[in-house]
């Protein structure tokens, strides 16, 4: 099992696509690898690159604090579980919580609505 976590300053990042790095942890809660977040360059293709990276790492669960409804929907459509976390918790607490289905986000509508999506010309 692989758990992906967007990271900022050694903690869960407040917003999924704006995290500087993404850490990938195994079922024993050990950091397997981490990458710079490709979505930071902005735009639809950068966010697609982030989604591709998560899929390539064979991620089972993504831990988030805040995520947009469109990205949440894409993760769920890819068969990746998304778990709601809180950046005030330690990494170990979040990893332990990730398997608790009570924290799962099950529908794209649970994400934040994109205020800029229509302004961008519906590019994604």
C-alpha atoms as a PDB file:
ATOM      1  CA  UNK A   1       0.000   0.000   0.000  1.00  0.00           C
ATOM      2  CA  UNK A   2       1.292   3.449  -0.935  1.00  0.00           C
ATOM      3  CA  UNK A   3       0.084   6.640   0.746  1.00  0.00           C
ATOM      4  CA  UNK A   4       0.816   9.954  -0.976  1.00  0.00           C
ATOM      5  CA  UNK A   5       0.995  13.114   1.063  1.00  0.00           C
ATOM      6  CA  UNK A   6       1.486  16.666  -0.221  1.00  0.00           C
ATOM      7  CA  UNK A   7       4.154  18.192   2.018  1.00  0.00           C
ATOM      8  CA  UNK A   8       5.114  21.688   3.109  1.00  0.00           C
ATOM      9  CA  UNK A   9       7.730  22.358   5.788  1.00  0.00           C
ATOM     10  CA  UNK A  10       7.650  18.752   6.978  1.00  0.00           C
ATOM     11  CA  UNK A  11       3.873  18.697   7.444  1.00  0.00           C
ATOM     12  CA  UNK A  12       0.737  18.006   5.415  1.00  0.00           C
ATOM     13  CA  UNK A  13       0.316  20.921   3.012  1.00  0.00           C
ATOM     14  CA  UNK A  14      -2.827  22.999   3.343  1.00  0.00           C
ATOM     15  CA  UNK A  15      -3.677  22.728  -0.367  1.00  0.00           C
ATOM     16  CA  UNK A  16      -3.030  19.638  -2.464  1.00  0.00           C
ATOM     17  CA  UNK A  17      -1.787  21.092  -5.756  1.00  0.00           C
ATOM     18  CA  UNK A  18       0.183  23.923  -4.096  1.00  0.00           C
ATOM     19  CA  UNK A  19       2.410  21.689  -1.973  1.00  0.00           C
ATOM     20  CA  UNK A  20       6.133  22.015  -2.709  1.00  0.00           C
ATOM     21  CA  UNK A  21       6.723  18.243  -2.452  1.00  0.00           C
ATOM     22  CA  UNK A  22       4.808  14.974  -2.469  1.00  0.00           C
ATOM     23  CA  UNK A  23       5.921  12.206  -0.121  1.00  0.00           C
ATOM     24  CA  UNK A  24       5.108   8.556  -0.789  1.00  0.00           C
ATOM     25  CA  UNK A  25       4.897   6.271   2.247  1.00  0.00           C
ATOM     26  CA  UNK A  26       4.514   2.505   2.481  1.00  0.00           C
ATOM     27  CA  UNK A  27       2.159   0.517   4.712  1.00  0.00           C
ATOM     28  CA  UNK A  28       4.796   0.618   7.479  1.00  0.00           C
ATOM     29  CA  UNK A  29       4.685   4.429   7.374  1.00  0.00           C
ATOM     30  CA  UNK A  30       8.220   4.695   6.022  1.00  0.00           C
ATOM     31  CA  UNK A  31       8.989   7.334   3.437  1.00  0.00           C
ATOM     32  CA  UNK A  32       9.716   5.459   0.199  1.00  0.00           C
ATOM     33  CA  UNK A  33      10.374   8.463  -2.043  1.00  0.00           C
ATOM     34  CA  UNK A  34       9.426  12.075  -2.550  1.00  0.00           C
ATOM     35  CA  UNK A  35       9.250  14.381  -5.536  1.00  0.00           C
ATOM     36  CA  UNK A  36       8.982  18.070  -6.248  1.00  0.00           C
ATOM     37  CA  UNK A  37       5.368  18.794  -7.091  1.00  0.00           C
ATOM     38  CA  UNK A  38       5.014  19.220 -10.864  1.00  0.00           C
ATOM     39  CA  UNK A  39       1.745  21.152 -10.381  1.00  0.00           C
ATOM     40  CA  UNK A  40       3.626  24.152  -8.987  1.00  0.00           C
ATOM     41  CA  UNK A  41       4.477  25.332 -12.482  1.00  0.00           C
ATOM     42  CA  UNK A  42       0.753  26.042 -12.908  1.00  0.00           C
ATOM     43  CA  UNK A  43      -1.762  25.260 -15.569  1.00  0.00           C
ATOM     44  CA  UNK A  44      -3.711  22.204 -16.555  1.00  0.00           C
ATOM     45  CA  UNK A  45      -0.772  20.241 -17.959  1.00  0.00           C
ATOM     46  CA  UNK A  46       1.148  20.674 -14.691  1.00  0.00           C
ATOM     47  CA  UNK A  47      -1.783  19.338 -12.677  1.00  0.00           C
ATOM     48  CA  UNK A  48      -2.067  16.413 -15.104  1.00  0.00           C
ATOM     49  CA  UNK A  49       1.636  15.719 -14.487  1.00  0.00           C
ATOM     50  CA  UNK A  50       0.959  15.627 -10.750  1.00  0.00           C
ATOM     51  CA  UNK A  51      -1.876  13.146 -11.252  1.00  0.00           C
ATOM     52  CA  UNK A  52       0.331  11.035 -13.524  1.00  0.00           C
ATOM     53  CA  UNK A  53       3.111  11.004 -10.908  1.00  0.00           C
ATOM     54  CA  UNK A  54       0.665   9.794  -8.254  1.00  0.00           C
ATOM     55  CA  UNK A  55      -0.590   7.042 -10.549  1.00  0.00           C
ATOM     56  CA  UNK A  56       2.950   5.996 -11.560  1.00  0.00           C
ATOM     57  CA  UNK A  57       3.855   5.531  -7.894  1.00  0.00           C
ATOM     58  CA  UNK A  58       0.929   3.084  -7.621  1.00  0.00           C
ATOM     59  CA  UNK A  59      -0.701   5.190  -4.914  1.00  0.00           C
ATOM     60  CA  UNK A  60      -3.608   3.659  -3.020  1.00  0.00           C
ATOM     61  CA  UNK A  61      -4.481   6.583  -0.725  1.00  0.00           C
ATOM     62  CA  UNK A  62      -3.868  10.315  -0.957  1.00  0.00           C
ATOM     63  CA  UNK A  63      -3.979  12.353   2.240  1.00  0.00           C
ATOM     64  CA  UNK A  64      -5.236  15.949   1.804  1.00  0.00           C
ATOM     65  CA  UNK A  65      -6.364  18.898   3.852  1.00  0.00           C
ATOM     66  CA  UNK A  66      -7.888  20.934   1.020  1.00  0.00           C
ATOM     67  CA  UNK A  67      -8.348  19.816  -2.573  1.00  0.00           C
ATOM     68  CA  UNK A  68     -10.287  21.125  -5.543  1.00  0.00           C
ATOM     69  CA  UNK A  69     -13.354  19.256  -6.676  1.00  0.00           C
ATOM     70  CA  UNK A  70     -11.929  18.609 -10.154  1.00  0.00           C
ATOM     71  CA  UNK A  71      -8.681  17.052  -8.889  1.00  0.00           C
ATOM     72  CA  UNK A  72     -10.592  15.096  -6.252  1.00  0.00           C
ATOM     73  CA  UNK A  73     -12.876  13.707  -8.954  1.00  0.00           C
ATOM     74  CA  UNK A  74      -9.892  12.686 -11.092  1.00  0.00           C
ATOM     75  CA  UNK A  75      -8.256  10.865  -8.185  1.00  0.00           C
ATOM     76  CA  UNK A  76     -11.494   9.061  -7.334  1.00  0.00           C
ATOM     77  CA  UNK A  77     -12.061   8.162 -11.009  1.00  0.00           C
ATOM     78  CA  UNK A  78      -8.561   6.659 -11.055  1.00  0.00           C
ATOM     79  CA  UNK A  79      -9.526   4.372  -8.163  1.00  0.00           C
ATOM     80  CA  UNK A  80      -7.373   6.224  -5.627  1.00  0.00           C
ATOM     81  CA  UNK A  81      -8.868   6.739  -2.177  1.00  0.00           C
ATOM     82  CA  UNK A  82      -8.652  10.246  -0.723  1.00  0.00           C
ATOM     83  CA  UNK A  83      -8.498  10.764   3.018  1.00  0.00           C
ATOM     84  CA  UNK A  84      -9.156  14.074   4.776  1.00  0.00           C
ATOM     85  CA  UNK A  85      -6.364  15.171   7.085  1.00  0.00           C
ATOM     86  CA  UNK A  86      -5.368  18.123   9.222  1.00  0.00           C
ATOM     87  CA  UNK A  87      -1.980  19.806   8.931  1.00  0.00           C
ATOM     88  CA  UNK A  88      -1.810  20.286  12.700  1.00  0.00           C
ATOM     89  CA  UNK A  89      -1.392  16.513  13.128  1.00  0.00           C
ATOM     90  CA  UNK A  90       1.985  14.814  12.903  1.00  0.00           C
ATOM     91  CA  UNK A  91       2.919  12.805   9.823  1.00  0.00           C
ATOM     92  CA  UNK A  92       2.683   9.595  11.868  1.00  0.00           C
ATOM     93  CA  UNK A  93      -0.812  10.480  13.114  1.00  0.00           C
ATOM     94  CA  UNK A  94      -1.945  11.251   9.554  1.00  0.00           C
ATOM     95  CA  UNK A  95      -0.511   8.006   8.205  1.00  0.00           C
ATOM     96  CA  UNK A  96      -2.255   6.025  10.954  1.00  0.00           C
ATOM     97  CA  UNK A  97      -5.512   7.869  10.203  1.00  0.00           C
ATOM     98  CA  UNK A  98      -5.241   7.283   6.445  1.00  0.00           C
ATOM     99  CA  UNK A  99      -6.662   3.766   6.668  1.00  0.00           C
ATOM    100  CA  UNK A 100      -9.709   4.913   8.674  1.00  0.00           C
ATOM    101  CA  UNK A 101     -12.597   4.996   6.196  1.00  0.00           C
ATOM    102  CA  UNK A 102     -14.438   7.565   8.348  1.00  0.00           C
ATOM    103  CA  UNK A 103     -12.065  10.217   6.919  1.00  0.00           C
ATOM    104  CA  UNK A 104     -12.550   9.226   3.259  1.00  0.00           C
ATOM    105  CA  UNK A 105     -13.795  11.693   0.700  1.00  0.00           C
ATOM    106  CA  UNK A 106     -16.175   9.782  -1.554  1.00  0.00           C
ATOM    107  CA  UNK A 107     -17.485  12.362  -4.005  1.00  0.00           C
ATOM    108  CA  UNK A 108     -15.894  15.186  -6.000  1.00  0.00           C
ATOM    109  CA  UNK A 109     -18.433  17.608  -4.520  1.00  0.00           C
ATOM    110  CA  UNK A 110     -16.572  17.330  -1.200  1.00  0.00           C
ATOM    111  CA  UNK A 111     -13.690  19.282  -2.758  1.00  0.00           C
ATOM    112  CA  UNK A 112     -13.490  23.033  -3.168  1.00  0.00           C
ATOM    113  CA  UNK A 113     -15.193  24.494  -6.212  1.00  0.00           C
ATOM    114  CA  UNK A 114     -12.795  26.000  -8.738  1.00  0.00           C
ATOM    115  CA  UNK A 115     -13.471  29.701  -9.047  1.00  0.00           C
ATOM    116  CA  UNK A 116     -11.070  30.018 -11.968  1.00  0.00           C
ATOM    117  CA  UNK A 117     -11.988  26.964 -14.016  1.00  0.00           C
ATOM    118  CA  UNK A 118     -14.572  28.652 -16.215  1.00  0.00           C
ATOM    119  CA  UNK A 119     -12.389  31.765 -16.543  1.00  0.00           C
ATOM    120  CA  UNK A 120      -9.592  29.589 -17.925  1.00  0.00           C
ATOM    121  CA  UNK A 121     -11.774  28.461 -20.782  1.00  0.00           C
ATOM    122  CA  UNK A 122     -12.592  25.018 -19.392  1.00  0.00           C
ATOM    123  CA  UNK A 123      -9.170  23.773 -20.547  1.00  0.00           C
ATOM    124  CA  UNK A 124      -9.022  20.594 -18.477  1.00  0.00           C
END
